[in-house]
Amino acid sequence: QVQLVESGGGSVQAGGSLRLSCSVSGREVRTATMGWYRQAPGKQREAVAFIFINGGTSYPDSVKGRFTISRDNAGNAVFLQMSSLKPEDTANYFCSLRSDGIGYWGQGTQVTVSS
């Protein structure tokens, strides 16, 4: 059974940084596409970072240069380093694992950025 558990969310002032963690069990992160998504109240869930099996990464323009996704194969975890945070980054952040056409999600961790 694949399980993803996020941690590291919290409240921070604009311009600050946070590091989110996603601990994975049941599947090796190096064998799957791992991603971070976020969802703000009243808005659709949006992707903010991906790391692929080959180690390549992808970001939307809204977070490029501010967010960095990384992977710890030995610890079977994925991280999202967020810097220069803005109030519009406030959302519930979810970790995802996609493999063999199946997607798995964590329960989310809340990030709140105050101005």
PDB file of N, CA and C in Angstrom:
ATOM      1  N   GLN A   1       0.850  -1.183   0.000  1.00  0.00           N
ATOM      2  CA  GLN A   1       0.000   0.000   0.000  1.00  0.00           C
ATOM      3  C   GLN A   1       0.893   1.242   0.000  1.00  0.00           C
ATOM      4  N   VAL A   2       0.617   2.146  -0.927  1.00  0.00           N
ATOM      5  CA  VAL A   2       1.402   3.366  -1.036  1.00  0.00           C
ATOM      6  C   VAL A   2       0.828   4.415  -0.101  1.00  0.00           C
ATOM      7  N   GLN A   3       1.703   5.018   0.695  1.00  0.00           N
ATOM      8  CA  GLN A   3       1.295   6.089   1.603  1.00  0.00           C
ATOM      9  C   GLN A   3       2.266   7.248   1.493  1.00  0.00           C
ATOM     10  N   LEU A   4       1.703   8.450   1.486  1.00  0.00           N
ATOM     11  CA  LEU A   4       2.491   9.677   1.444  1.00  0.00           C
ATOM     12  C   LEU A   4       2.084  10.539   2.639  1.00  0.00           C
ATOM     13  N   VAL A   5       3.074  11.042   3.358  1.00  0.00           N
ATOM     14  CA  VAL A   5       2.802  11.866   4.525  1.00  0.00           C
ATOM     15  C   VAL A   5       3.607  13.147   4.414  1.00  0.00           C
ATOM     16  N   GLU A   6       2.917  14.281   4.323  1.00  0.00           N
ATOM     17  CA  GLU A   6       3.563  15.573   4.227  1.00  0.00           C
ATOM     18  C   GLU A   6       3.783  16.168   5.618  1.00  0.00           C
ATOM     19  N   SER A   7       4.792  17.008   5.701  1.00  0.00           N
ATOM     20  CA  SER A   7       5.060  17.758   6.931  1.00  0.00           C
ATOM     21  C   SER A   7       5.833  19.015   6.562  1.00  0.00           C
ATOM     22  N   GLY A   8       5.931  19.924   7.516  1.00  0.00           N
ATOM     23  CA  GLY A   8       6.740  21.113   7.311  1.00  0.00           C
ATOM     24  C   GLY A   8       5.975  22.387   7.031  1.00  0.00           C
ATOM     25  N   GLY A   9       4.663  22.278   6.904  1.00  0.00           N
ATOM     26  CA  GLY A   9       3.879  23.484   6.679  1.00  0.00           C
ATOM     27  C   GLY A   9       3.847  24.369   7.909  1.00  0.00           C
ATOM     28  N   GLY A  10       3.327  25.564   7.731  1.00  0.00           N
ATOM     29  CA  GLY A  10       3.233  26.491   8.846  1.00  0.00           C
ATOM     30  C   GLY A  10       2.937  27.886   8.372  1.00  0.00           C
ATOM     31  N   SER A  11       3.116  28.835   9.270  1.00  0.00           N
ATOM     32  CA  SER A  11       2.865  30.241   8.961  1.00  0.00           C
ATOM     33  C   SER A  11       4.193  30.982   8.867  1.00  0.00           C
ATOM     34  N   VAL A  12       4.291  31.838   7.874  1.00  0.00           N
ATOM     35  CA  VAL A  12       5.528  32.586   7.649  1.00  0.00           C
ATOM     36  C   VAL A  12       5.170  33.939   7.051  1.00  0.00           C
ATOM     37  N   GLN A  13       6.023  34.903   7.277  1.00  0.00           N
ATOM     38  CA  GLN A  13       5.802  36.223   6.681  1.00  0.00           C
ATOM     39  C   GLN A  13       6.289  36.228   5.237  1.00  0.00           C
ATOM     40  N   ALA A  14       5.732  37.142   4.463  1.00  0.00           N
ATOM     41  CA  ALA A  14       6.151  37.290   3.072  1.00  0.00           C
ATOM     42  C   ALA A  14       7.663  37.497   3.001  1.00  0.00           C
ATOM     43  N   GLY A  15       8.264  36.827   2.035  1.00  0.00           N
ATOM     44  CA  GLY A  15       9.715  36.881   1.896  1.00  0.00           C
ATOM     45  C   GLY A  15      10.437  35.755   2.610  1.00  0.00           C
ATOM     46  N   GLY A  16       9.714  35.037   3.445  1.00  0.00           N
ATOM     47  CA  GLY A  16      10.320  33.961   4.210  1.00  0.00           C
ATOM     48  C   GLY A  16      10.418  32.665   3.429  1.00  0.00           C
ATOM     49  N   SER A  17      10.870  31.631   4.136  1.00  0.00           N
ATOM     50  CA  SER A  17      11.096  30.324   3.507  1.00  0.00           C
ATOM     51  C   SER A  17      10.479  29.213   4.345  1.00  0.00           C
ATOM     52  N   LEU A  18      10.144  28.142   3.677  1.00  0.00           N
ATOM     53  CA  LEU A  18       9.676  26.918   4.330  1.00  0.00           C
ATOM     54  C   LEU A  18      10.166  25.729   3.516  1.00  0.00           C
ATOM     55  N   ARG A  19      10.348  24.614   4.186  1.00  0.00           N
ATOM     56  CA  ARG A  19      10.740  23.373   3.508  1.00  0.00           C
ATOM     57  C   ARG A  19       9.714  22.308   3.849  1.00  0.00           C
ATOM     58  N   LEU A  20       9.029  21.839   2.839  1.00  0.00           N
ATOM     59  CA  LEU A  20       8.054  20.781   3.007  1.00  0.00           C
ATOM     60  C   LEU A  20       8.712  19.434   2.750  1.00  0.00           C
ATOM     61  N   SER A  21       8.267  18.444   3.497  1.00  0.00           N
ATOM     62  CA  SER A  21       8.768  17.084   3.334  1.00  0.00           C
ATOM     63  C   SER A  21       7.616  16.140   3.018  1.00  0.00           C
ATOM     64  N   CYS A  22       7.921  15.115   2.245  1.00  0.00           N
ATOM     65  CA  CYS A  22       6.945  14.084   1.920  1.00  0.00           C
ATOM     66  C   CYS A  22       7.620  12.729   2.115  1.00  0.00           C
ATOM     67  N   SER A  23       7.200  12.035   3.133  1.00  0.00           N
ATOM     68  CA  SER A  23       7.741  10.710   3.411  1.00  0.00           C
ATOM     69  C   SER A  23       6.860   9.675   2.716  1.00  0.00           C
ATOM     70  N   VAL A  24       7.482   8.764   1.986  1.00  0.00           N
ATOM     71  CA  VAL A  24       6.746   7.799   1.165  1.00  0.00           C
ATOM     72  C   VAL A  24       7.031   6.379   1.618  1.00  0.00           C
ATOM     73  N   SER A  25       6.010   5.561   1.654  1.00  0.00           N
ATOM     74  CA  SER A  25       6.161   4.133   1.913  1.00  0.00           C
ATOM     75  C   SER A  25       5.362   3.366   0.872  1.00  0.00           C
ATOM     76  N   GLY A  26       5.821   2.163   0.592  1.00  0.00           N
ATOM     77  CA  GLY A  26       5.108   1.313  -0.341  1.00  0.00           C
ATOM     78  C   GLY A  26       5.554   1.420  -1.785  1.00  0.00           C
ATOM     79  N   ARG A  27       6.408   2.400  -2.078  1.00  0.00           N
ATOM     80  CA  ARG A  27       6.914   2.585  -3.436  1.00  0.00           C
ATOM     81  C   ARG A  27       8.160   3.440  -3.351  1.00  0.00           C
ATOM     82  N   GLU A  28       9.159   3.112  -4.148  1.00  0.00           N
ATOM     83  CA  GLU A  28      10.387   3.895  -4.141  1.00  0.00           C
ATOM     84  C   GLU A  28      10.204   5.171  -4.943  1.00  0.00           C
ATOM     85  N   VAL A  29      10.570   6.297  -4.358  1.00  0.00           N
ATOM     86  CA  VAL A  29      10.350   7.581  -5.028  1.00  0.00           C
ATOM     87  C   VAL A  29      11.185   7.687  -6.306  1.00  0.00           C
ATOM     88  N   ARG A  30      12.300   6.985  -6.376  1.00  0.00           N
ATOM     89  CA  ARG A  30      13.160   7.087  -7.560  1.00  0.00           C
ATOM     90  C   ARG A  30      12.567   6.361  -8.768  1.00  0.00           C
ATOM     91  N   THR A  31      11.502   5.598  -8.553  1.00  0.00           N
ATOM     92  CA  THR A  31      10.866   4.847  -9.639  1.00  0.00           C
ATOM     93  C   THR A  31       9.535   5.448 -10.068  1.00  0.00           C
ATOM     94  N   ALA A  32       9.273   6.682  -9.623  1.00  0.00           N
ATOM     95  CA  ALA A  32       7.975   7.297  -9.918  1.00  0.00           C
ATOM     96  C   ALA A  32       8.151   8.778 -10.208  1.00  0.00           C
ATOM     97  N   THR A  33       7.167   9.363 -10.831  1.00  0.00           N
ATOM     98  CA  THR A  33       7.102  10.816 -10.948  1.00  0.00           C
ATOM     99  C   THR A  33       6.502  11.361  -9.663  1.00  0.00           C
ATOM    100  N   MET A  34       7.286  12.220  -9.025  1.00  0.00           N
ATOM    101  CA  MET A  34       6.832  12.819  -7.774  1.00  0.00           C
ATOM    102  C   MET A  34       6.480  14.280  -8.017  1.00  0.00           C
ATOM    103  N   GLY A  35       5.443  14.732  -7.345  1.00  0.00           N
ATOM    104  CA  GLY A  35       5.024  16.114  -7.551  1.00  0.00           C
ATOM    105  C   GLY A  35       4.492  16.755  -6.284  1.00  0.00           C
ATOM    106  N   TRP A  36       4.493  18.063  -6.312  1.00  0.00           N
ATOM    107  CA  TRP A  36       3.837  18.869  -5.285  1.00  0.00           C
ATOM    108  C   TRP A  36       2.755  19.693  -5.959  1.00  0.00           C
ATOM    109  N   TYR A  37       1.598  19.708  -5.324  1.00  0.00           N
ATOM    110  CA  TYR A  37       0.463  20.494  -5.779  1.00  0.00           C
ATOM    111  C   TYR A  37       0.006  21.385  -4.624  1.00  0.00           C
ATOM    112  N   ARG A  38      -0.794  22.380  -4.955  1.00  0.00           N
ATOM    113  CA  ARG A  38      -1.383  23.201  -3.904  1.00  0.00           C
ATOM    114  C   ARG A  38      -2.808  23.555  -4.283  1.00  0.00           C
ATOM    115  N   GLN A  39      -3.589  23.804  -3.247  1.00  0.00           N
ATOM    116  CA  GLN A  39      -4.976  24.203  -3.454  1.00  0.00           C
ATOM    117  C   GLN A  39      -5.353  25.236  -2.420  1.00  0.00           C
ATOM    118  N   ALA A  40      -5.730  26.402  -2.907  1.00  0.00           N
ATOM    119  CA  ALA A  40      -6.204  27.476  -2.042  1.00  0.00           C
ATOM    120  C   ALA A  40      -7.731  27.417  -1.983  1.00  0.00           C
ATOM    121  N   PRO A  41      -8.331  27.952  -0.933  1.00  0.00           N
ATOM    122  CA  PRO A  41      -9.797  27.927  -0.810  1.00  0.00           C
ATOM    123  C   PRO A  41     -10.473  28.540  -2.028  1.00  0.00           C
ATOM    124  N   GLY A  42     -11.434  27.819  -2.586  1.00  0.00           N
ATOM    125  CA  GLY A  42     -12.178  28.320  -3.727  1.00  0.00           C
ATOM    126  C   GLY A  42     -11.458  28.218  -5.056  1.00  0.00           C
ATOM    127  N   LYS A  43     -10.272  27.616  -5.059  1.00  0.00           N
ATOM    128  CA  LYS A  43      -9.491  27.513  -6.296  1.00  0.00           C
ATOM    129  C   LYS A  43      -9.221  26.050  -6.626  1.00  0.00           C
ATOM    130  N   GLN A  44      -8.888  25.816  -7.894  1.00  0.00           N
ATOM    131  CA  GLN A  44      -8.534  24.465  -8.313  1.00  0.00           C
ATOM    132  C   GLN A  44      -7.139  24.098  -7.831  1.00  0.00           C
ATOM    133  N   ARG A  45      -6.927  22.809  -7.685  1.00  0.00           N
ATOM    134  CA  ARG A  45      -5.605  22.327  -7.319  1.00  0.00           C
ATOM    135  C   ARG A  45      -4.655  22.575  -8.495  1.00  0.00           C
ATOM    136  N   GLU A  46      -3.461  23.077  -8.203  1.00  0.00           N
ATOM    137  CA  GLU A  46      -2.491  23.355  -9.249  1.00  0.00           C
ATOM    138  C   GLU A  46      -1.151  22.725  -8.911  1.00  0.00           C
ATOM    139  N   ALA A  47      -0.452  22.316  -9.950  1.00  0.00           N
ATOM    140  CA  ALA A  47       0.867  21.731  -9.774  1.00  0.00           C
ATOM    141  C   ALA A  47       1.898  22.827  -9.558  1.00  0.00           C
ATOM    142  N   VAL A  48       2.839  22.596  -8.647  1.00  0.00           N
ATOM    143  CA  VAL A  48       3.895  23.576  -8.420  1.00  0.00           C
ATOM    144  C   VAL A  48       5.292  23.012  -8.655  1.00  0.00           C
ATOM    145  N   ALA A  49       5.443  21.695  -8.698  1.00  0.00           N
ATOM    146  CA  ALA A  49       6.767  21.135  -8.953  1.00  0.00           C
ATOM    147  C   ALA A  49       6.659  19.646  -9.258  1.00  0.00           C
ATOM    148  N   PHE A  50       7.549  19.191 -10.157  1.00  0.00           N
ATOM    149  CA  PHE A  50       7.663  17.766 -10.446  1.00  0.00           C
ATOM    150  C   PHE A  50       9.128  17.381 -10.456  1.00  0.00           C
ATOM    151  N   ILE A  51       9.389  16.144 -10.035  1.00  0.00           N
ATOM    152  CA  ILE A  51      10.694  15.548 -10.257  1.00  0.00           C
ATOM    153  C   ILE A  51      10.463  14.189 -10.883  1.00  0.00           C
ATOM    154  N   PHE A  52      11.151  13.948 -11.979  1.00  0.00           N
ATOM    155  CA  PHE A  52      10.915  12.764 -12.783  1.00  0.00           C
ATOM    156  C   PHE A  52      11.928  11.673 -12.449  1.00  0.00           C
ATOM    157  N   ILE A  53      11.685  10.493 -12.996  1.00  0.00           N
ATOM    158  CA  ILE A  53      12.544   9.352 -12.698  1.00  0.00           C
ATOM    159  C   ILE A  53      13.998   9.655 -13.048  1.00  0.00           C
ATOM    160  N   ASN A  54      14.213  10.400 -14.131  1.00  0.00           N
ATOM    161  CA  ASN A  54      15.589  10.705 -14.544  1.00  0.00           C
ATOM    162  C   ASN A  54      16.208  11.863 -13.756  1.00  0.00           C
ATOM    163  N   GLY A  55      15.466  12.386 -12.795  1.00  0.00           N
ATOM    164  CA  GLY A  55      15.980  13.468 -11.970  1.00  0.00           C
ATOM    165  C   GLY A  55      15.654  14.856 -12.488  1.00  0.00           C
ATOM    166  N   GLY A  56      15.099  14.942 -13.666  1.00  0.00           N
ATOM    167  CA  GLY A  56      14.702  16.236 -14.196  1.00  0.00           C
ATOM    168  C   GLY A  56      13.568  16.834 -13.388  1.00  0.00           C
ATOM    169  N   THR A  57      13.476  18.148 -13.436  1.00  0.00           N
ATOM    170  CA  THR A  57      12.445  18.844 -12.675  1.00  0.00           C
ATOM    171  C   THR A  57      11.668  19.803 -13.570  1.00  0.00           C
ATOM    172  N   SER A  58      10.503  20.190 -13.100  1.00  0.00           N
ATOM    173  CA  SER A  58       9.647  21.098 -13.850  1.00  0.00           C
ATOM    174  C   SER A  58       8.852  21.948 -12.879  1.00  0.00           C
ATOM    175  N   TYR A  59       8.706  23.236 -13.240  1.00  0.00           N
ATOM    176  CA  TYR A  59       7.973  24.183 -12.404  1.00  0.00           C
ATOM    177  C   TYR A  59       7.128  25.099 -13.279  1.00  0.00           C
ATOM    178  N   PRO A  60       5.992  25.533 -12.789  1.00  0.00           N
ATOM    179  CA  PRO A  60       5.260  26.568 -13.519  1.00  0.00           C
ATOM    180  C   PRO A  60       5.944  27.918 -13.296  1.00  0.00           C
ATOM    181  N   ASP A  61       5.638  28.868 -14.148  1.00  0.00           N
ATOM    182  CA  ASP A  61       6.267  30.183 -14.041  1.00  0.00           C
ATOM    183  C   ASP A  61       5.998  30.850 -12.702  1.00  0.00           C
ATOM    184  N   SER A  62       4.847  30.548 -12.096  1.00  0.00           N
ATOM    185  CA  SER A  62       4.459  31.219 -10.848  1.00  0.00           C
ATOM    186  C   SER A  62       5.425  30.938  -9.697  1.00  0.00           C
ATOM    187  N   VAL A  63       6.157  29.833  -9.755  1.00  0.00           N
ATOM    188  CA  VAL A  63       7.073  29.489  -8.652  1.00  0.00           C
ATOM    189  C   VAL A  63       8.513  29.293  -9.118  1.00  0.00           C
ATOM    190  N   LYS A  64       8.742  29.336 -10.414  1.00  0.00           N
ATOM    191  CA  LYS A  64      10.086  29.090 -10.942  1.00  0.00           C
ATOM    192  C   LYS A  64      11.071  30.092 -10.358  1.00  0.00           C
ATOM    193  N   GLY A  65      12.197  29.577  -9.893  1.00  0.00           N
ATOM    194  CA  GLY A  65      13.211  30.414  -9.275  1.00  0.00           C
ATOM    195  C   GLY A  65      13.015  30.613  -7.785  1.00  0.00           C
ATOM    196  N   ARG A  66      11.854  30.249  -7.266  1.00  0.00           N
ATOM    197  CA  ARG A  66      11.575  30.386  -5.835  1.00  0.00           C
ATOM    198  C   ARG A  66      11.421  29.036  -5.152  1.00  0.00           C
ATOM    199  N   PHE A  67      10.898  28.053  -5.867  1.00  0.00           N
ATOM    200  CA  PHE A  67      10.665  26.715  -5.308  1.00  0.00           C
ATOM    201  C   PHE A  67      11.642  25.722  -5.920  1.00  0.00           C
ATOM    202  N   THR A  68      12.080  24.776  -5.105  1.00  0.00           N
ATOM    203  CA  THR A  68      12.970  23.726  -5.587  1.00  0.00           C
ATOM    204  C   THR A  68      12.511  22.384  -5.039  1.00  0.00           C
ATOM    205  N   ILE A  69      12.280  21.445  -5.936  1.00  0.00           N
ATOM    206  CA  ILE A  69      11.913  20.088  -5.532  1.00  0.00           C
ATOM    207  C   ILE A  69      13.169  19.227  -5.546  1.00  0.00           C
ATOM    208  N   SER A  70      13.267  18.340  -4.553  1.00  0.00           N
ATOM    209  CA  SER A  70      14.407  17.434  -4.502  1.00  0.00           C
ATOM    210  C   SER A  70      13.945  16.085  -3.968  1.00  0.00           C
ATOM    211  N   ARG A  71      14.843  15.125  -4.101  1.00  0.00           N
ATOM    212  CA  ARG A  71      14.470  13.747  -3.769  1.00  0.00           C
ATOM    213  C   ARG A  71      15.606  13.086  -2.994  1.00  0.00           C
ATOM    214  N   ASP A  72      15.268  12.375  -1.965  1.00  0.00           N
ATOM    215  CA  ASP A  72      16.230  11.592  -1.185  1.00  0.00           C
ATOM    216  C   ASP A  72      15.911  10.124  -1.408  1.00  0.00           C
ATOM    217  N   ASN A  73      16.669   9.500  -2.287  1.00  0.00           N
ATOM    218  CA  ASN A  73      16.361   8.112  -2.619  1.00  0.00           C
ATOM    219  C   ASN A  73      16.583   7.170  -1.429  1.00  0.00           C
ATOM    220  N   ALA A  74      17.617   7.422  -0.677  1.00  0.00           N
ATOM    221  CA  ALA A  74      17.908   6.544   0.463  1.00  0.00           C
ATOM    222  C   ALA A  74      16.817   6.646   1.525  1.00  0.00           C
ATOM    223  N   GLY A  75      16.360   7.857   1.768  1.00  0.00           N
ATOM    224  CA  GLY A  75      15.313   8.070   2.767  1.00  0.00           C
ATOM    225  C   GLY A  75      13.908   7.925   2.235  1.00  0.00           C
ATOM    226  N   ASN A  76      13.827   7.726   0.898  1.00  0.00           N
ATOM    227  CA  ASN A  76      12.525   7.591   0.238  1.00  0.00           C
ATOM    228  C   ASN A  76      11.601   8.762   0.563  1.00  0.00           C
ATOM    229  N   ALA A  77      12.107   9.946   0.309  1.00  0.00           N
ATOM    230  CA  ALA A  77      11.341  11.157   0.606  1.00  0.00           C
ATOM    231  C   ALA A  77      11.557  12.192  -0.494  1.00  0.00           C
ATOM    232  N   VAL A  78      10.633  13.118  -0.560  1.00  0.00           N
ATOM    233  CA  VAL A  78      10.704  14.229  -1.505  1.00  0.00           C
ATOM    234  C   VAL A  78      10.510  15.514  -0.722  1.00  0.00           C
ATOM    235  N   PHE A  79      11.178  16.566  -1.167  1.00  0.00           N
ATOM    236  CA  PHE A  79      11.132  17.829  -0.451  1.00  0.00           C
ATOM    237  C   PHE A  79      10.739  18.962  -1.395  1.00  0.00           C
ATOM    238  N   LEU A  80      10.185  20.007  -0.826  1.00  0.00           N
ATOM    239  CA  LEU A  80       9.918  21.230  -1.572  1.00  0.00           C
ATOM    240  C   LEU A  80      10.460  22.396  -0.767  1.00  0.00           C
ATOM    241  N   GLN A  81      11.557  22.960  -1.241  1.00  0.00           N
ATOM    242  CA  GLN A  81      12.126  24.146  -0.618  1.00  0.00           C
ATOM    243  C   GLN A  81      11.471  25.362  -1.232  1.00  0.00           C
ATOM    244  N   MET A  82      10.847  26.175  -0.410  1.00  0.00           N
ATOM    245  CA  MET A  82      10.135  27.362  -0.884  1.00  0.00           C
ATOM    246  C   MET A  82      10.785  28.600  -0.285  1.00  0.00           C
ATOM    247  N   SER A  83      11.143  29.554  -1.123  1.00  0.00           N
ATOM    248  CA  SER A  83      11.741  30.783  -0.658  1.00  0.00           C
ATOM    249  C   SER A  83      11.024  31.970  -1.298  1.00  0.00           C
ATOM    250  N   SER A  84      11.331  33.145  -0.785  1.00  0.00           N
ATOM    251  CA  SER A  84      10.682  34.371  -1.272  1.00  0.00           C
ATOM    252  C   SER A  84       9.168  34.178  -1.347  1.00  0.00           C
ATOM    253  N   LEU A  85       8.625  33.644  -0.275  1.00  0.00           N
ATOM    254  CA  LEU A  85       7.194  33.324  -0.272  1.00  0.00           C
ATOM    255  C   LEU A  85       6.342  34.581  -0.339  1.00  0.00           C
ATOM    256  N   LYS A  86       5.207  34.425  -1.003  1.00  0.00           N
ATOM    257  CA  LYS A  86       4.268  35.526  -1.200  1.00  0.00           C
ATOM    258  C   LYS A  86       2.916  35.139  -0.593  1.00  0.00           C
ATOM    259  N   PRO A  87       2.097  36.124  -0.241  1.00  0.00           N
ATOM    260  CA  PRO A  87       0.764  35.791   0.290  1.00  0.00           C
ATOM    261  C   PRO A  87      -0.037  34.885  -0.652  1.00  0.00           C
ATOM    262  N   GLU A  88       0.165  35.028  -1.946  1.00  0.00           N
ATOM    263  CA  GLU A  88      -0.578  34.195  -2.894  1.00  0.00           C
ATOM    264  C   GLU A  88      -0.093  32.747  -2.931  1.00  0.00           C
ATOM    265  N   ASP A  89       0.976  32.451  -2.214  1.00  0.00           N
ATOM    266  CA  ASP A  89       1.421  31.054  -2.073  1.00  0.00           C
ATOM    267  C   ASP A  89       0.641  30.326  -0.980  1.00  0.00           C
ATOM    268  N   THR A  90      -0.179  31.049  -0.244  1.00  0.00           N
ATOM    269  CA  THR A  90      -0.981  30.436   0.811  1.00  0.00           C
ATOM    270  C   THR A  90      -1.908  29.380   0.225  1.00  0.00           C
ATOM    271  N   ALA A  91      -1.812  28.157   0.747  1.00  0.00           N
ATOM    272  CA  ALA A  91      -2.605  27.041   0.230  1.00  0.00           C
ATOM    273  C   ALA A  91      -2.314  25.799   1.056  1.00  0.00           C
ATOM    274  N   ASN A  92      -3.094  24.773   0.795  1.00  0.00           N
ATOM    275  CA  ASN A  92      -2.799  23.445   1.309  1.00  0.00           C
ATOM    276  C   ASN A  92      -1.941  22.743   0.260  1.00  0.00           C
ATOM    277  N   TYR A  93      -0.785  22.263   0.668  1.00  0.00           N
ATOM    278  CA  TYR A  93       0.173  21.668  -0.254  1.00  0.00           C
ATOM    279  C   TYR A  93       0.127  20.144  -0.133  1.00  0.00           C
ATOM    280  N   PHE A  94       0.048  19.495  -1.288  1.00  0.00           N
ATOM    281  CA  PHE A  94      -0.080  18.048  -1.353  1.00  0.00           C
ATOM    282  C   PHE A  94       1.086  17.433  -2.107  1.00  0.00           C
ATOM    283  N   CYS A  95       1.548  16.319  -1.632  1.00  0.00           N
ATOM    284  CA  CYS A  95       2.552  15.522  -2.318  1.00  0.00           C
ATOM    285  C   CYS A  95       1.835  14.460  -3.150  1.00  0.00           C
ATOM    286  N   SER A  96       2.393  14.162  -4.315  1.00  0.00           N
ATOM    287  CA  SER A  96       1.779  13.131  -5.159  1.00  0.00           C
ATOM    288  C   SER A  96       2.839  12.199  -5.719  1.00  0.00           C
ATOM    289  N   LEU A  97       2.422  10.978  -5.959  1.00  0.00           N
ATOM    290  CA  LEU A  97       3.263   9.966  -6.600  1.00  0.00           C
ATOM    291  C   LEU A  97       2.450   9.386  -7.749  1.00  0.00           C
ATOM    292  N   ARG A  98       3.054   9.333  -8.928  1.00  0.00           N
ATOM    293  CA  ARG A  98       2.373   8.763 -10.083  1.00  0.00           C
ATOM    294  C   ARG A  98       3.241   7.683 -10.699  1.00  0.00           C
ATOM    295  N   SER A  99       2.655   6.512 -10.833  1.00  0.00           N
ATOM    296  CA  SER A  99       3.389   5.390 -11.399  1.00  0.00           C
ATOM    297  C   SER A  99       2.401   4.430 -12.048  1.00  0.00           C
ATOM    298  N   ASP A 100       2.749   3.935 -13.212  1.00  0.00           N
ATOM    299  CA  ASP A 100       1.907   2.961 -13.927  1.00  0.00           C
ATOM    300  C   ASP A 100       0.488   3.481 -14.106  1.00  0.00           C
ATOM    301  N   GLY A 101       0.353   4.776 -14.315  1.00  0.00           N
ATOM    302  CA  GLY A 101      -0.952   5.364 -14.563  1.00  0.00           C
ATOM    303  C   GLY A 101      -1.808   5.566 -13.341  1.00  0.00           C
ATOM    304  N   ILE A 102      -1.245   5.304 -12.184  1.00  0.00           N
ATOM    305  CA  ILE A 102      -2.013   5.453 -10.944  1.00  0.00           C
ATOM    306  C   ILE A 102      -1.407   6.591 -10.131  1.00  0.00           C
ATOM    307  N   GLY A 103      -2.274   7.416  -9.551  1.00  0.00           N
ATOM    308  CA  GLY A 103      -1.817   8.527  -8.735  1.00  0.00           C
ATOM    309  C   GLY A 103      -2.175   8.324  -7.281  1.00  0.00           C
ATOM    310  N   TYR A 104      -1.253   8.712  -6.431  1.00  0.00           N
ATOM    311  CA  TYR A 104      -1.446   8.635  -4.981  1.00  0.00           C
ATOM    312  C   TYR A 104      -1.214  10.026  -4.407  1.00  0.00           C
ATOM    313  N   TRP A 105      -1.928  10.319  -3.308  1.00  0.00           N
ATOM    314  CA  TRP A 105      -1.852  11.638  -2.702  1.00  0.00           C
ATOM    315  C   TRP A 105      -1.648  11.537  -1.196  1.00  0.00           C
ATOM    316  N   GLY A 106      -0.978  12.535  -0.657  1.00  0.00           N
ATOM    317  CA  GLY A 106      -0.916  12.679   0.773  1.00  0.00           C
ATOM    318  C   GLY A 106      -2.114  13.468   1.269  1.00  0.00           C
ATOM    319  N   GLN A 107      -2.120  13.722   2.582  1.00  0.00           N
ATOM    320  CA  GLN A 107      -3.273  14.399   3.184  1.00  0.00           C
ATOM    321  C   GLN A 107      -3.140  15.917   3.132  1.00  0.00           C
ATOM    322  N   GLY A 108      -1.937  16.404   2.822  1.00  0.00           N
ATOM    323  CA  GLY A 108      -1.716  17.836   2.695  1.00  0.00           C
ATOM    324  C   GLY A 108      -1.142  18.472   3.937  1.00  0.00           C
ATOM    325  N   THR A 109      -0.470  19.589   3.726  1.00  0.00           N
ATOM    326  CA  THR A 109       0.062  20.392   4.823  1.00  0.00           C
ATOM    327  C   THR A 109      -0.178  21.856   4.482  1.00  0.00           C
ATOM    328  N   GLN A 110      -0.660  22.612   5.457  1.00  0.00           N
ATOM    329  CA  GLN A 110      -1.082  23.991   5.214  1.00  0.00           C
ATOM    330  C   GLN A 110       0.109  24.947   5.274  1.00  0.00           C
ATOM    331  N   VAL A 111       0.166  25.827   4.281  1.00  0.00           N
ATOM    332  CA  VAL A 111       1.154  26.904   4.263  1.00  0.00           C
ATOM    333  C   VAL A 111       0.399  28.228   4.229  1.00  0.00           C
ATOM    334  N   THR A 112       0.717  29.094   5.173  1.00  0.00           N
ATOM    335  CA  THR A 112       0.074  30.400   5.246  1.00  0.00           C
ATOM    336  C   THR A 112       1.155  31.477   5.230  1.00  0.00           C
ATOM    337  N   VAL A 113       1.052  32.385   4.269  1.00  0.00           N
ATOM    338  CA  VAL A 113       2.027  33.458   4.125  1.00  0.00           C
ATOM    339  C   VAL A 113       1.314  34.785   4.379  1.00  0.00           C
ATOM    340  N   SER A 114       1.774  35.496   5.370  1.00  0.00           N
ATOM    341  CA  SER A 114       1.159  36.777   5.723  1.00  0.00           C
ATOM    342  C   SER A 114       1.976  37.938   5.162  1.00  0.00           C
ATOM    343  N   SER A 115       1.272  39.004   4.845  1.00  0.00           N
ATOM    344  CA  SER A 115       1.945  40.177   4.265  1.00  0.00           C
ATOM    345  C   SER A 115       2.432  41.123   5.346  1.00  0.00           C
TER     346      SER A 115
END
